[in-house]
Amino acid sequence: ILFKGSNFIDALSEVDTVVFDKTG
């Protein structure tokens, strides 16, 4: 898992909605 910055660690920890593409 590659985080492009520690700011995205904070951001992902707050996620409560996940949206997926389908194909691939």
PDBML (XML) file of the C-alpha atoms, coordinates in Angstrom:
<?xml version="1.0" encoding="UTF-8" ?>
<PDBx:datablock datablockName="MODEL"
   xmlns:PDBx="http://pdbml.pdb.org/schema/pdbx-v50.xsd"
   xmlns:xsi="http://www.w3.org/2001/XMLSchema-instance"
   xsi:schemaLocation="http://pdbml.pdb.org/schema/pdbx-v50.xsd pdbx-v50.xsd">
   <PDBx:atom_siteCategory>
      <PDBx:atom_site id="1">
         <PDBx:B_iso_or_equiv>0.00</PDBx:B_iso_or_equiv>
         <PDBx:Cartn_x>0.000</PDBx:Cartn_x>
         <PDBx:Cartn_y>0.000</PDBx:Cartn_y>
         <PDBx:Cartn_z>0.000</PDBx:Cartn_z>
         <PDBx:auth_asym_id>A</PDBx:auth_asym_id>
         <PDBx:auth_atom_id>CA</PDBx:auth_atom_id>
         <PDBx:auth_comp_id>ILE</PDBx:auth_comp_id>
         <PDBx:auth_seq_id>1</PDBx:auth_seq_id>
         <PDBx:group_PDB>ATOM</PDBx:group_PDB>
         <PDBx:label_alt_id xsi:nil="true" />
         <PDBx:label_asym_id>A</PDBx:label_asym_id>
         <PDBx:label_atom_id>CA</PDBx:label_atom_id>
         <PDBx:label_comp_id>ILE</PDBx:label_comp_id>
         <PDBx:label_entity_id>1</PDBx:label_entity_id>
         <PDBx:label_seq_id>1</PDBx:label_seq_id>
         <PDBx:occupancy>1.00</PDBx:occupancy>
         <PDBx:pdbx_PDB_model_num>1</PDBx:pdbx_PDB_model_num>
         <PDBx:type_symbol>C</PDBx:type_symbol>
      </PDBx:atom_site>
      <PDBx:atom_site id="2">
         <PDBx:B_iso_or_equiv>0.00</PDBx:B_iso_or_equiv>
         <PDBx:Cartn_x>1.558</PDBx:Cartn_x>
         <PDBx:Cartn_y>3.297</PDBx:Cartn_y>
         <PDBx:Cartn_z>-1.077</PDBx:Cartn_z>
         <PDBx:auth_asym_id>A</PDBx:auth_asym_id>
         <PDBx:auth_atom_id>CA</PDBx:auth_atom_id>
         <PDBx:auth_comp_id>LEU</PDBx:auth_comp_id>
         <PDBx:auth_seq_id>2</PDBx:auth_seq_id>
         <PDBx:group_PDB>ATOM</PDBx:group_PDB>
         <PDBx:label_alt_id xsi:nil="true" />
         <PDBx:label_asym_id>A</PDBx:label_asym_id>
         <PDBx:label_atom_id>CA</PDBx:label_atom_id>
         <PDBx:label_comp_id>LEU</PDBx:label_comp_id>
         <PDBx:label_entity_id>1</PDBx:label_entity_id>
         <PDBx:label_seq_id>2</PDBx:label_seq_id>
         <PDBx:occupancy>1.00</PDBx:occupancy>
         <PDBx:pdbx_PDB_model_num>1</PDBx:pdbx_PDB_model_num>
         <PDBx:type_symbol>C</PDBx:type_symbol>
      </PDBx:atom_site>
      <PDBx:atom_site id="3">
         <PDBx:B_iso_or_equiv>0.00</PDBx:B_iso_or_equiv>
         <PDBx:Cartn_x>0.434</PDBx:Cartn_x>
         <PDBx:Cartn_y>6.492</PDBx:Cartn_y>
         <PDBx:Cartn_z>0.637</PDBx:Cartn_z>
         <PDBx:auth_asym_id>A</PDBx:auth_asym_id>
         <PDBx:auth_atom_id>CA</PDBx:auth_atom_id>
         <PDBx:auth_comp_id>PHE</PDBx:auth_comp_id>
         <PDBx:auth_seq_id>3</PDBx:auth_seq_id>
         <PDBx:group_PDB>ATOM</PDBx:group_PDB>
         <PDBx:label_alt_id xsi:nil="true" />
         <PDBx:label_asym_id>A</PDBx:label_asym_id>
         <PDBx:label_atom_id>CA</PDBx:label_atom_id>
         <PDBx:label_comp_id>PHE</PDBx:label_comp_id>
         <PDBx:label_entity_id>1</PDBx:label_entity_id>
         <PDBx:label_seq_id>3</PDBx:label_seq_id>
         <PDBx:occupancy>1.00</PDBx:occupancy>
         <PDBx:pdbx_PDB_model_num>1</PDBx:pdbx_PDB_model_num>
         <PDBx:type_symbol>C</PDBx:type_symbol>
      </PDBx:atom_site>
      <PDBx:atom_site id="4">
         <PDBx:B_iso_or_equiv>0.00</PDBx:B_iso_or_equiv>
         <PDBx:Cartn_x>1.543</PDBx:Cartn_x>
         <PDBx:Cartn_y>9.581</PDBx:Cartn_y>
         <PDBx:Cartn_z>-1.264</PDBx:Cartn_z>
         <PDBx:auth_asym_id>A</PDBx:auth_asym_id>
         <PDBx:auth_atom_id>CA</PDBx:auth_atom_id>
         <PDBx:auth_comp_id>LYS</PDBx:auth_comp_id>
         <PDBx:auth_seq_id>4</PDBx:auth_seq_id>
         <PDBx:group_PDB>ATOM</PDBx:group_PDB>
         <PDBx:label_alt_id xsi:nil="true" />
         <PDBx:label_asym_id>A</PDBx:label_asym_id>
         <PDBx:label_atom_id>CA</PDBx:label_atom_id>
         <PDBx:label_comp_id>LYS</PDBx:label_comp_id>
         <PDBx:label_entity_id>1</PDBx:label_entity_id>
         <PDBx:label_seq_id>4</PDBx:label_seq_id>
         <PDBx:occupancy>1.00</PDBx:occupancy>
         <PDBx:pdbx_PDB_model_num>1</PDBx:pdbx_PDB_model_num>
         <PDBx:type_symbol>C</PDBx:type_symbol>
      </PDBx:atom_site>
      <PDBx:atom_site id="5">
         <PDBx:B_iso_or_equiv>0.00</PDBx:B_iso_or_equiv>
         <PDBx:Cartn_x>1.715</PDBx:Cartn_x>
         <PDBx:Cartn_y>11.546</PDBx:Cartn_y>
         <PDBx:Cartn_z>1.991</PDBx:Cartn_z>
         <PDBx:auth_asym_id>A</PDBx:auth_asym_id>
         <PDBx:auth_atom_id>CA</PDBx:auth_atom_id>
         <PDBx:auth_comp_id>GLY</PDBx:auth_comp_id>
         <PDBx:auth_seq_id>5</PDBx:auth_seq_id>
         <PDBx:group_PDB>ATOM</PDBx:group_PDB>
         <PDBx:label_alt_id xsi:nil="true" />
         <PDBx:label_asym_id>A</PDBx:label_asym_id>
         <PDBx:label_atom_id>CA</PDBx:label_atom_id>
         <PDBx:label_comp_id>GLY</PDBx:label_comp_id>
         <PDBx:label_entity_id>1</PDBx:label_entity_id>
         <PDBx:label_seq_id>5</PDBx:label_seq_id>
         <PDBx:occupancy>1.00</PDBx:occupancy>
         <PDBx:pdbx_PDB_model_num>1</PDBx:pdbx_PDB_model_num>
         <PDBx:type_symbol>C</PDBx:type_symbol>
      </PDBx:atom_site>
      <PDBx:atom_site id="6">
         <PDBx:B_iso_or_equiv>0.00</PDBx:B_iso_or_equiv>
         <PDBx:Cartn_x>0.889</PDBx:Cartn_x>
         <PDBx:Cartn_y>11.243</PDBx:Cartn_y>
         <PDBx:Cartn_z>5.674</PDBx:Cartn_z>
         <PDBx:auth_asym_id>A</PDBx:auth_asym_id>
         <PDBx:auth_atom_id>CA</PDBx:auth_atom_id>
         <PDBx:auth_comp_id>SER</PDBx:auth_comp_id>
         <PDBx:auth_seq_id>6</PDBx:auth_seq_id>
         <PDBx:group_PDB>ATOM</PDBx:group_PDB>
         <PDBx:label_alt_id xsi:nil="true" />
         <PDBx:label_asym_id>A</PDBx:label_asym_id>
         <PDBx:label_atom_id>CA</PDBx:label_atom_id>
         <PDBx:label_comp_id>SER</PDBx:label_comp_id>
         <PDBx:label_entity_id>1</PDBx:label_entity_id>
         <PDBx:label_seq_id>6</PDBx:label_seq_id>
         <PDBx:occupancy>1.00</PDBx:occupancy>
         <PDBx:pdbx_PDB_model_num>1</PDBx:pdbx_PDB_model_num>
         <PDBx:type_symbol>C</PDBx:type_symbol>
      </PDBx:atom_site>
      <PDBx:atom_site id="7">
         <PDBx:B_iso_or_equiv>0.00</PDBx:B_iso_or_equiv>
         <PDBx:Cartn_x>-2.003</PDBx:Cartn_x>
         <PDBx:Cartn_y>13.660</PDBx:Cartn_y>
         <PDBx:Cartn_z>5.056</PDBx:Cartn_z>
         <PDBx:auth_asym_id>A</PDBx:auth_asym_id>
         <PDBx:auth_atom_id>CA</PDBx:auth_atom_id>
         <PDBx:auth_comp_id>ASN</PDBx:auth_comp_id>
         <PDBx:auth_seq_id>7</PDBx:auth_seq_id>
         <PDBx:group_PDB>ATOM</PDBx:group_PDB>
         <PDBx:label_alt_id xsi:nil="true" />
         <PDBx:label_asym_id>A</PDBx:label_asym_id>
         <PDBx:label_atom_id>CA</PDBx:label_atom_id>
         <PDBx:label_comp_id>ASN</PDBx:label_comp_id>
         <PDBx:label_entity_id>1</PDBx:label_entity_id>
         <PDBx:label_seq_id>7</PDBx:label_seq_id>
         <PDBx:occupancy>1.00</PDBx:occupancy>
         <PDBx:pdbx_PDB_model_num>1</PDBx:pdbx_PDB_model_num>
         <PDBx:type_symbol>C</PDBx:type_symbol>
      </PDBx:atom_site>
      <PDBx:atom_site id="8">
         <PDBx:B_iso_or_equiv>0.00</PDBx:B_iso_or_equiv>
         <PDBx:Cartn_x>-3.727</PDBx:Cartn_x>
         <PDBx:Cartn_y>10.856</PDBx:Cartn_y>
         <PDBx:Cartn_z>3.145</PDBx:Cartn_z>
         <PDBx:auth_asym_id>A</PDBx:auth_asym_id>
         <PDBx:auth_atom_id>CA</PDBx:auth_atom_id>
         <PDBx:auth_comp_id>PHE</PDBx:auth_comp_id>
         <PDBx:auth_seq_id>8</PDBx:auth_seq_id>
         <PDBx:group_PDB>ATOM</PDBx:group_PDB>
         <PDBx:label_alt_id xsi:nil="true" />
         <PDBx:label_asym_id>A</PDBx:label_asym_id>
         <PDBx:label_atom_id>CA</PDBx:label_atom_id>
         <PDBx:label_comp_id>PHE</PDBx:label_comp_id>
         <PDBx:label_entity_id>1</PDBx:label_entity_id>
         <PDBx:label_seq_id>8</PDBx:label_seq_id>
         <PDBx:occupancy>1.00</PDBx:occupancy>
         <PDBx:pdbx_PDB_model_num>1</PDBx:pdbx_PDB_model_num>
         <PDBx:type_symbol>C</PDBx:type_symbol>
      </PDBx:atom_site>
      <PDBx:atom_site id="9">
         <PDBx:B_iso_or_equiv>0.00</PDBx:B_iso_or_equiv>
         <PDBx:Cartn_x>-3.349</PDBx:Cartn_x>
         <PDBx:Cartn_y>8.562</PDBx:Cartn_y>
         <PDBx:Cartn_z>6.159</PDBx:Cartn_z>
         <PDBx:auth_asym_id>A</PDBx:auth_asym_id>
         <PDBx:auth_atom_id>CA</PDBx:auth_atom_id>
         <PDBx:auth_comp_id>ILE</PDBx:auth_comp_id>
         <PDBx:auth_seq_id>9</PDBx:auth_seq_id>
         <PDBx:group_PDB>ATOM</PDBx:group_PDB>
         <PDBx:label_alt_id xsi:nil="true" />
         <PDBx:label_asym_id>A</PDBx:label_asym_id>
         <PDBx:label_atom_id>CA</PDBx:label_atom_id>
         <PDBx:label_comp_id>ILE</PDBx:label_comp_id>
         <PDBx:label_entity_id>1</PDBx:label_entity_id>
         <PDBx:label_seq_id>9</PDBx:label_seq_id>
         <PDBx:occupancy>1.00</PDBx:occupancy>
         <PDBx:pdbx_PDB_model_num>1</PDBx:pdbx_PDB_model_num>
         <PDBx:type_symbol>C</PDBx:type_symbol>
      </PDBx:atom_site>
      <PDBx:atom_site id="10">
         <PDBx:B_iso_or_equiv>0.00</PDBx:B_iso_or_equiv>
         <PDBx:Cartn_x>-5.482</PDBx:Cartn_x>
         <PDBx:Cartn_y>11.037</PDBx:Cartn_y>
         <PDBx:Cartn_z>8.105</PDBx:Cartn_z>
         <PDBx:auth_asym_id>A</PDBx:auth_asym_id>
         <PDBx:auth_atom_id>CA</PDBx:auth_atom_id>
         <PDBx:auth_comp_id>ASP</PDBx:auth_comp_id>
         <PDBx:auth_seq_id>10</PDBx:auth_seq_id>
         <PDBx:group_PDB>ATOM</PDBx:group_PDB>
         <PDBx:label_alt_id xsi:nil="true" />
         <PDBx:label_asym_id>A</PDBx:label_asym_id>
         <PDBx:label_atom_id>CA</PDBx:label_atom_id>
         <PDBx:label_comp_id>ASP</PDBx:label_comp_id>
         <PDBx:label_entity_id>1</PDBx:label_entity_id>
         <PDBx:label_seq_id>10</PDBx:label_seq_id>
         <PDBx:occupancy>1.00</PDBx:occupancy>
         <PDBx:pdbx_PDB_model_num>1</PDBx:pdbx_PDB_model_num>
         <PDBx:type_symbol>C</PDBx:type_symbol>
      </PDBx:atom_site>
      <PDBx:atom_site id="11">
         <PDBx:B_iso_or_equiv>0.00</PDBx:B_iso_or_equiv>
         <PDBx:Cartn_x>-7.933</PDBx:Cartn_x>
         <PDBx:Cartn_y>11.371</PDBx:Cartn_y>
         <PDBx:Cartn_z>5.220</PDBx:Cartn_z>
         <PDBx:auth_asym_id>A</PDBx:auth_asym_id>
         <PDBx:auth_atom_id>CA</PDBx:auth_atom_id>
         <PDBx:auth_comp_id>ALA</PDBx:auth_comp_id>
         <PDBx:auth_seq_id>11</PDBx:auth_seq_id>
         <PDBx:group_PDB>ATOM</PDBx:group_PDB>
         <PDBx:label_alt_id xsi:nil="true" />
         <PDBx:label_asym_id>A</PDBx:label_asym_id>
         <PDBx:label_atom_id>CA</PDBx:label_atom_id>
         <PDBx:label_comp_id>ALA</PDBx:label_comp_id>
         <PDBx:label_entity_id>1</PDBx:label_entity_id>
         <PDBx:label_seq_id>11</PDBx:label_seq_id>
         <PDBx:occupancy>1.00</PDBx:occupancy>
         <PDBx:pdbx_PDB_model_num>1</PDBx:pdbx_PDB_model_num>
         <PDBx:type_symbol>C</PDBx:type_symbol>
      </PDBx:atom_site>
      <PDBx:atom_site id="12">
         <PDBx:B_iso_or_equiv>0.00</PDBx:B_iso_or_equiv>
         <PDBx:Cartn_x>-8.420</PDBx:Cartn_x>
         <PDBx:Cartn_y>7.627</PDBx:Cartn_y>
         <PDBx:Cartn_z>4.659</PDBx:Cartn_z>
         <PDBx:auth_asym_id>A</PDBx:auth_asym_id>
         <PDBx:auth_atom_id>CA</PDBx:auth_atom_id>
         <PDBx:auth_comp_id>LEU</PDBx:auth_comp_id>
         <PDBx:auth_seq_id>12</PDBx:auth_seq_id>
         <PDBx:group_PDB>ATOM</PDBx:group_PDB>
         <PDBx:label_alt_id xsi:nil="true" />
         <PDBx:label_asym_id>A</PDBx:label_asym_id>
         <PDBx:label_atom_id>CA</PDBx:label_atom_id>
         <PDBx:label_comp_id>LEU</PDBx:label_comp_id>
         <PDBx:label_entity_id>1</PDBx:label_entity_id>
         <PDBx:label_seq_id>12</PDBx:label_seq_id>
         <PDBx:occupancy>1.00</PDBx:occupancy>
         <PDBx:pdbx_PDB_model_num>1</PDBx:pdbx_PDB_model_num>
         <PDBx:type_symbol>C</PDBx:type_symbol>
      </PDBx:atom_site>
      <PDBx:atom_site id="13">
         <PDBx:B_iso_or_equiv>0.00</PDBx:B_iso_or_equiv>
         <PDBx:Cartn_x>-8.922</PDBx:Cartn_x>
         <PDBx:Cartn_y>7.032</PDBx:Cartn_y>
         <PDBx:Cartn_z>8.380</PDBx:Cartn_z>
         <PDBx:auth_asym_id>A</PDBx:auth_asym_id>
         <PDBx:auth_atom_id>CA</PDBx:auth_atom_id>
         <PDBx:auth_comp_id>SER</PDBx:auth_comp_id>
         <PDBx:auth_seq_id>13</PDBx:auth_seq_id>
         <PDBx:group_PDB>ATOM</PDBx:group_PDB>
         <PDBx:label_alt_id xsi:nil="true" />
         <PDBx:label_asym_id>A</PDBx:label_asym_id>
         <PDBx:label_atom_id>CA</PDBx:label_atom_id>
         <PDBx:label_comp_id>SER</PDBx:label_comp_id>
         <PDBx:label_entity_id>1</PDBx:label_entity_id>
         <PDBx:label_seq_id>13</PDBx:label_seq_id>
         <PDBx:occupancy>1.00</PDBx:occupancy>
         <PDBx:pdbx_PDB_model_num>1</PDBx:pdbx_PDB_model_num>
         <PDBx:type_symbol>C</PDBx:type_symbol>
      </PDBx:atom_site>
      <PDBx:atom_site id="14">
         <PDBx:B_iso_or_equiv>0.00</PDBx:B_iso_or_equiv>
         <PDBx:Cartn_x>-11.991</PDBx:Cartn_x>
         <PDBx:Cartn_y>9.326</PDBx:Cartn_y>
         <PDBx:Cartn_z>8.229</PDBx:Cartn_z>
         <PDBx:auth_asym_id>A</PDBx:auth_asym_id>
         <PDBx:auth_atom_id>CA</PDBx:auth_atom_id>
         <PDBx:auth_comp_id>GLU</PDBx:auth_comp_id>
         <PDBx:auth_seq_id>14</PDBx:auth_seq_id>
         <PDBx:group_PDB>ATOM</PDBx:group_PDB>
         <PDBx:label_alt_id xsi:nil="true" />
         <PDBx:label_asym_id>A</PDBx:label_asym_id>
         <PDBx:label_atom_id>CA</PDBx:label_atom_id>
         <PDBx:label_comp_id>GLU</PDBx:label_comp_id>
         <PDBx:label_entity_id>1</PDBx:label_entity_id>
         <PDBx:label_seq_id>14</PDBx:label_seq_id>
         <PDBx:occupancy>1.00</PDBx:occupancy>
         <PDBx:pdbx_PDB_model_num>1</PDBx:pdbx_PDB_model_num>
         <PDBx:type_symbol>C</PDBx:type_symbol>
      </PDBx:atom_site>
      <PDBx:atom_site id="15">
         <PDBx:B_iso_or_equiv>0.00</PDBx:B_iso_or_equiv>
         <PDBx:Cartn_x>-13.608</PDBx:Cartn_x>
         <PDBx:Cartn_y>7.624</PDBx:Cartn_y>
         <PDBx:Cartn_z>5.208</PDBx:Cartn_z>
         <PDBx:auth_asym_id>A</PDBx:auth_asym_id>
         <PDBx:auth_atom_id>CA</PDBx:auth_atom_id>
         <PDBx:auth_comp_id>VAL</PDBx:auth_comp_id>
         <PDBx:auth_seq_id>15</PDBx:auth_seq_id>
         <PDBx:group_PDB>ATOM</PDBx:group_PDB>
         <PDBx:label_alt_id xsi:nil="true" />
         <PDBx:label_asym_id>A</PDBx:label_asym_id>
         <PDBx:label_atom_id>CA</PDBx:label_atom_id>
         <PDBx:label_comp_id>VAL</PDBx:label_comp_id>
         <PDBx:label_entity_id>1</PDBx:label_entity_id>
         <PDBx:label_seq_id>15</PDBx:label_seq_id>
         <PDBx:occupancy>1.00</PDBx:occupancy>
         <PDBx:pdbx_PDB_model_num>1</PDBx:pdbx_PDB_model_num>
         <PDBx:type_symbol>C</PDBx:type_symbol>
      </PDBx:atom_site>
      <PDBx:atom_site id="16">
         <PDBx:B_iso_or_equiv>0.00</PDBx:B_iso_or_equiv>
         <PDBx:Cartn_x>-17.149</PDBx:Cartn_x>
         <PDBx:Cartn_y>6.355</PDBx:Cartn_y>
         <PDBx:Cartn_z>5.795</PDBx:Cartn_z>
         <PDBx:auth_asym_id>A</PDBx:auth_asym_id>
         <PDBx:auth_atom_id>CA</PDBx:auth_atom_id>
         <PDBx:auth_comp_id>ASP</PDBx:auth_comp_id>
         <PDBx:auth_seq_id>16</PDBx:auth_seq_id>
         <PDBx:group_PDB>ATOM</PDBx:group_PDB>
         <PDBx:label_alt_id xsi:nil="true" />
         <PDBx:label_asym_id>A</PDBx:label_asym_id>
         <PDBx:label_atom_id>CA</PDBx:label_atom_id>
         <PDBx:label_comp_id>ASP</PDBx:label_comp_id>
         <PDBx:label_entity_id>1</PDBx:label_entity_id>
         <PDBx:label_seq_id>16</PDBx:label_seq_id>
         <PDBx:occupancy>1.00</PDBx:occupancy>
         <PDBx:pdbx_PDB_model_num>1</PDBx:pdbx_PDB_model_num>
         <PDBx:type_symbol>C</PDBx:type_symbol>
      </PDBx:atom_site>
      <PDBx:atom_site id="17">
         <PDBx:B_iso_or_equiv>0.00</PDBx:B_iso_or_equiv>
         <PDBx:Cartn_x>-18.249</PDBx:Cartn_x>
         <PDBx:Cartn_y>6.048</PDBx:Cartn_y>
         <PDBx:Cartn_z>2.145</PDBx:Cartn_z>
         <PDBx:auth_asym_id>A</PDBx:auth_asym_id>
         <PDBx:auth_atom_id>CA</PDBx:auth_atom_id>
         <PDBx:auth_comp_id>THR</PDBx:auth_comp_id>
         <PDBx:auth_seq_id>17</PDBx:auth_seq_id>
         <PDBx:group_PDB>ATOM</PDBx:group_PDB>
         <PDBx:label_alt_id xsi:nil="true" />
         <PDBx:label_asym_id>A</PDBx:label_asym_id>
         <PDBx:label_atom_id>CA</PDBx:label_atom_id>
         <PDBx:label_comp_id>THR</PDBx:label_comp_id>
         <PDBx:label_entity_id>1</PDBx:label_entity_id>
         <PDBx:label_seq_id>17</PDBx:label_seq_id>
         <PDBx:occupancy>1.00</PDBx:occupancy>
         <PDBx:pdbx_PDB_model_num>1</PDBx:pdbx_PDB_model_num>
         <PDBx:type_symbol>C</PDBx:type_symbol>
      </PDBx:atom_site>
      <PDBx:atom_site id="18">
         <PDBx:B_iso_or_equiv>0.00</PDBx:B_iso_or_equiv>
         <PDBx:Cartn_x>-16.420</PDBx:Cartn_x>
         <PDBx:Cartn_y>4.029</PDBx:Cartn_y>
         <PDBx:Cartn_z>-0.510</PDBx:Cartn_z>
         <PDBx:auth_asym_id>A</PDBx:auth_asym_id>
         <PDBx:auth_atom_id>CA</PDBx:auth_atom_id>
         <PDBx:auth_comp_id>VAL</PDBx:auth_comp_id>
         <PDBx:auth_seq_id>18</PDBx:auth_seq_id>
         <PDBx:group_PDB>ATOM</PDBx:group_PDB>
         <PDBx:label_alt_id xsi:nil="true" />
         <PDBx:label_asym_id>A</PDBx:label_asym_id>
         <PDBx:label_atom_id>CA</PDBx:label_atom_id>
         <PDBx:label_comp_id>VAL</PDBx:label_comp_id>
         <PDBx:label_entity_id>1</PDBx:label_entity_id>
         <PDBx:label_seq_id>18</PDBx:label_seq_id>
         <PDBx:occupancy>1.00</PDBx:occupancy>
         <PDBx:pdbx_PDB_model_num>1</PDBx:pdbx_PDB_model_num>
         <PDBx:type_symbol>C</PDBx:type_symbol>
      </PDBx:atom_site>
      <PDBx:atom_site id="19">
         <PDBx:B_iso_or_equiv>0.00</PDBx:B_iso_or_equiv>
         <PDBx:Cartn_x>-17.241</PDBx:Cartn_x>
         <PDBx:Cartn_y>4.279</PDBx:Cartn_y>
         <PDBx:Cartn_z>-4.202</PDBx:Cartn_z>
         <PDBx:auth_asym_id>A</PDBx:auth_asym_id>
         <PDBx:auth_atom_id>CA</PDBx:auth_atom_id>
         <PDBx:auth_comp_id>VAL</PDBx:auth_comp_id>
         <PDBx:auth_seq_id>19</PDBx:auth_seq_id>
         <PDBx:group_PDB>ATOM</PDBx:group_PDB>
         <PDBx:label_alt_id xsi:nil="true" />
         <PDBx:label_asym_id>A</PDBx:label_asym_id>
         <PDBx:label_atom_id>CA</PDBx:label_atom_id>
         <PDBx:label_comp_id>VAL</PDBx:label_comp_id>
         <PDBx:label_entity_id>1</PDBx:label_entity_id>
         <PDBx:label_seq_id>19</PDBx:label_seq_id>
         <PDBx:occupancy>1.00</PDBx:occupancy>
         <PDBx:pdbx_PDB_model_num>1</PDBx:pdbx_PDB_model_num>
         <PDBx:type_symbol>C</PDBx:type_symbol>
      </PDBx:atom_site>
      <PDBx:atom_site id="20">
         <PDBx:B_iso_or_equiv>0.00</PDBx:B_iso_or_equiv>
         <PDBx:Cartn_x>-15.989</PDBx:Cartn_x>
         <PDBx:Cartn_y>1.600</PDBx:Cartn_y>
         <PDBx:Cartn_z>-6.597</PDBx:Cartn_z>
         <PDBx:auth_asym_id>A</PDBx:auth_asym_id>
         <PDBx:auth_atom_id>CA</PDBx:auth_atom_id>
         <PDBx:auth_comp_id>PHE</PDBx:auth_comp_id>
         <PDBx:auth_seq_id>20</PDBx:auth_seq_id>
         <PDBx:group_PDB>ATOM</PDBx:group_PDB>
         <PDBx:label_alt_id xsi:nil="true" />
         <PDBx:label_asym_id>A</PDBx:label_asym_id>
         <PDBx:label_atom_id>CA</PDBx:label_atom_id>
         <PDBx:label_comp_id>PHE</PDBx:label_comp_id>
         <PDBx:label_entity_id>1</PDBx:label_entity_id>
         <PDBx:label_seq_id>20</PDBx:label_seq_id>
         <PDBx:occupancy>1.00</PDBx:occupancy>
         <PDBx:pdbx_PDB_model_num>1</PDBx:pdbx_PDB_model_num>
         <PDBx:type_symbol>C</PDBx:type_symbol>
      </PDBx:atom_site>
      <PDBx:atom_site id="21">
         <PDBx:B_iso_or_equiv>0.00</PDBx:B_iso_or_equiv>
         <PDBx:Cartn_x>-15.491</PDBx:Cartn_x>
         <PDBx:Cartn_y>1.506</PDBx:Cartn_y>
         <PDBx:Cartn_z>-10.306</PDBx:Cartn_z>
         <PDBx:auth_asym_id>A</PDBx:auth_asym_id>
         <PDBx:auth_atom_id>CA</PDBx:auth_atom_id>
         <PDBx:auth_comp_id>ASP</PDBx:auth_comp_id>
         <PDBx:auth_seq_id>21</PDBx:auth_seq_id>
         <PDBx:group_PDB>ATOM</PDBx:group_PDB>
         <PDBx:label_alt_id xsi:nil="true" />
         <PDBx:label_asym_id>A</PDBx:label_asym_id>
         <PDBx:label_atom_id>CA</PDBx:label_atom_id>
         <PDBx:label_comp_id>ASP</PDBx:label_comp_id>
         <PDBx:label_entity_id>1</PDBx:label_entity_id>
         <PDBx:label_seq_id>21</PDBx:label_seq_id>
         <PDBx:occupancy>1.00</PDBx:occupancy>
         <PDBx:pdbx_PDB_model_num>1</PDBx:pdbx_PDB_model_num>
         <PDBx:type_symbol>C</PDBx:type_symbol>
      </PDBx:atom_site>
      <PDBx:atom_site id="22">
         <PDBx:B_iso_or_equiv>0.00</PDBx:B_iso_or_equiv>
         <PDBx:Cartn_x>-16.588</PDBx:Cartn_x>
         <PDBx:Cartn_y>-1.883</PDBx:Cartn_y>
         <PDBx:Cartn_z>-11.653</PDBx:Cartn_z>
         <PDBx:auth_asym_id>A</PDBx:auth_asym_id>
         <PDBx:auth_atom_id>CA</PDBx:auth_atom_id>
         <PDBx:auth_comp_id>LYS</PDBx:auth_comp_id>
         <PDBx:auth_seq_id>22</PDBx:auth_seq_id>
         <PDBx:group_PDB>ATOM</PDBx:group_PDB>
         <PDBx:label_alt_id xsi:nil="true" />
         <PDBx:label_asym_id>A</PDBx:label_asym_id>
         <PDBx:label_atom_id>CA</PDBx:label_atom_id>
         <PDBx:label_comp_id>LYS</PDBx:label_comp_id>
         <PDBx:label_entity_id>1</PDBx:label_entity_id>
         <PDBx:label_seq_id>22</PDBx:label_seq_id>
         <PDBx:occupancy>1.00</PDBx:occupancy>
         <PDBx:pdbx_PDB_model_num>1</PDBx:pdbx_PDB_model_num>
         <PDBx:type_symbol>C</PDBx:type_symbol>
      </PDBx:atom_site>
      <PDBx:atom_site id="23">
         <PDBx:B_iso_or_equiv>0.00</PDBx:B_iso_or_equiv>
         <PDBx:Cartn_x>-14.369</PDBx:Cartn_x>
         <PDBx:Cartn_y>-3.131</PDBx:Cartn_y>
         <PDBx:Cartn_z>-14.455</PDBx:Cartn_z>
         <PDBx:auth_asym_id>A</PDBx:auth_asym_id>
         <PDBx:auth_atom_id>CA</PDBx:auth_atom_id>
         <PDBx:auth_comp_id>THR</PDBx:auth_comp_id>
         <PDBx:auth_seq_id>23</PDBx:auth_seq_id>
         <PDBx:group_PDB>ATOM</PDBx:group_PDB>
         <PDBx:label_alt_id xsi:nil="true" />
         <PDBx:label_asym_id>A</PDBx:label_asym_id>
         <PDBx:label_atom_id>CA</PDBx:label_atom_id>
         <PDBx:label_comp_id>THR</PDBx:label_comp_id>
         <PDBx:label_entity_id>1</PDBx:label_entity_id>
         <PDBx:label_seq_id>23</PDBx:label_seq_id>
         <PDBx:occupancy>1.00</PDBx:occupancy>
         <PDBx:pdbx_PDB_model_num>1</PDBx:pdbx_PDB_model_num>
         <PDBx:type_symbol>C</PDBx:type_symbol>
      </PDBx:atom_site>
      <PDBx:atom_site id="24">
         <PDBx:B_iso_or_equiv>0.00</PDBx:B_iso_or_equiv>
         <PDBx:Cartn_x>-10.865</PDBx:Cartn_x>
         <PDBx:Cartn_y>-3.981</PDBx:Cartn_y>
         <PDBx:Cartn_z>-13.285</PDBx:Cartn_z>
         <PDBx:auth_asym_id>A</PDBx:auth_asym_id>
         <PDBx:auth_atom_id>CA</PDBx:auth_atom_id>
         <PDBx:auth_comp_id>GLY</PDBx:auth_comp_id>
         <PDBx:auth_seq_id>24</PDBx:auth_seq_id>
         <PDBx:group_PDB>ATOM</PDBx:group_PDB>
         <PDBx:label_alt_id xsi:nil="true" />
         <PDBx:label_asym_id>A</PDBx:label_asym_id>
         <PDBx:label_atom_id>CA</PDBx:label_atom_id>
         <PDBx:label_comp_id>GLY</PDBx:label_comp_id>
         <PDBx:label_entity_id>1</PDBx:label_entity_id>
         <PDBx:label_seq_id>24</PDBx:label_seq_id>
         <PDBx:occupancy>1.00</PDBx:occupancy>
         <PDBx:pdbx_PDB_model_num>1</PDBx:pdbx_PDB_model_num>
         <PDBx:type_symbol>C</PDBx:type_symbol>
      </PDBx:atom_site>
   </PDBx:atom_siteCategory>
</PDBx:datablock>
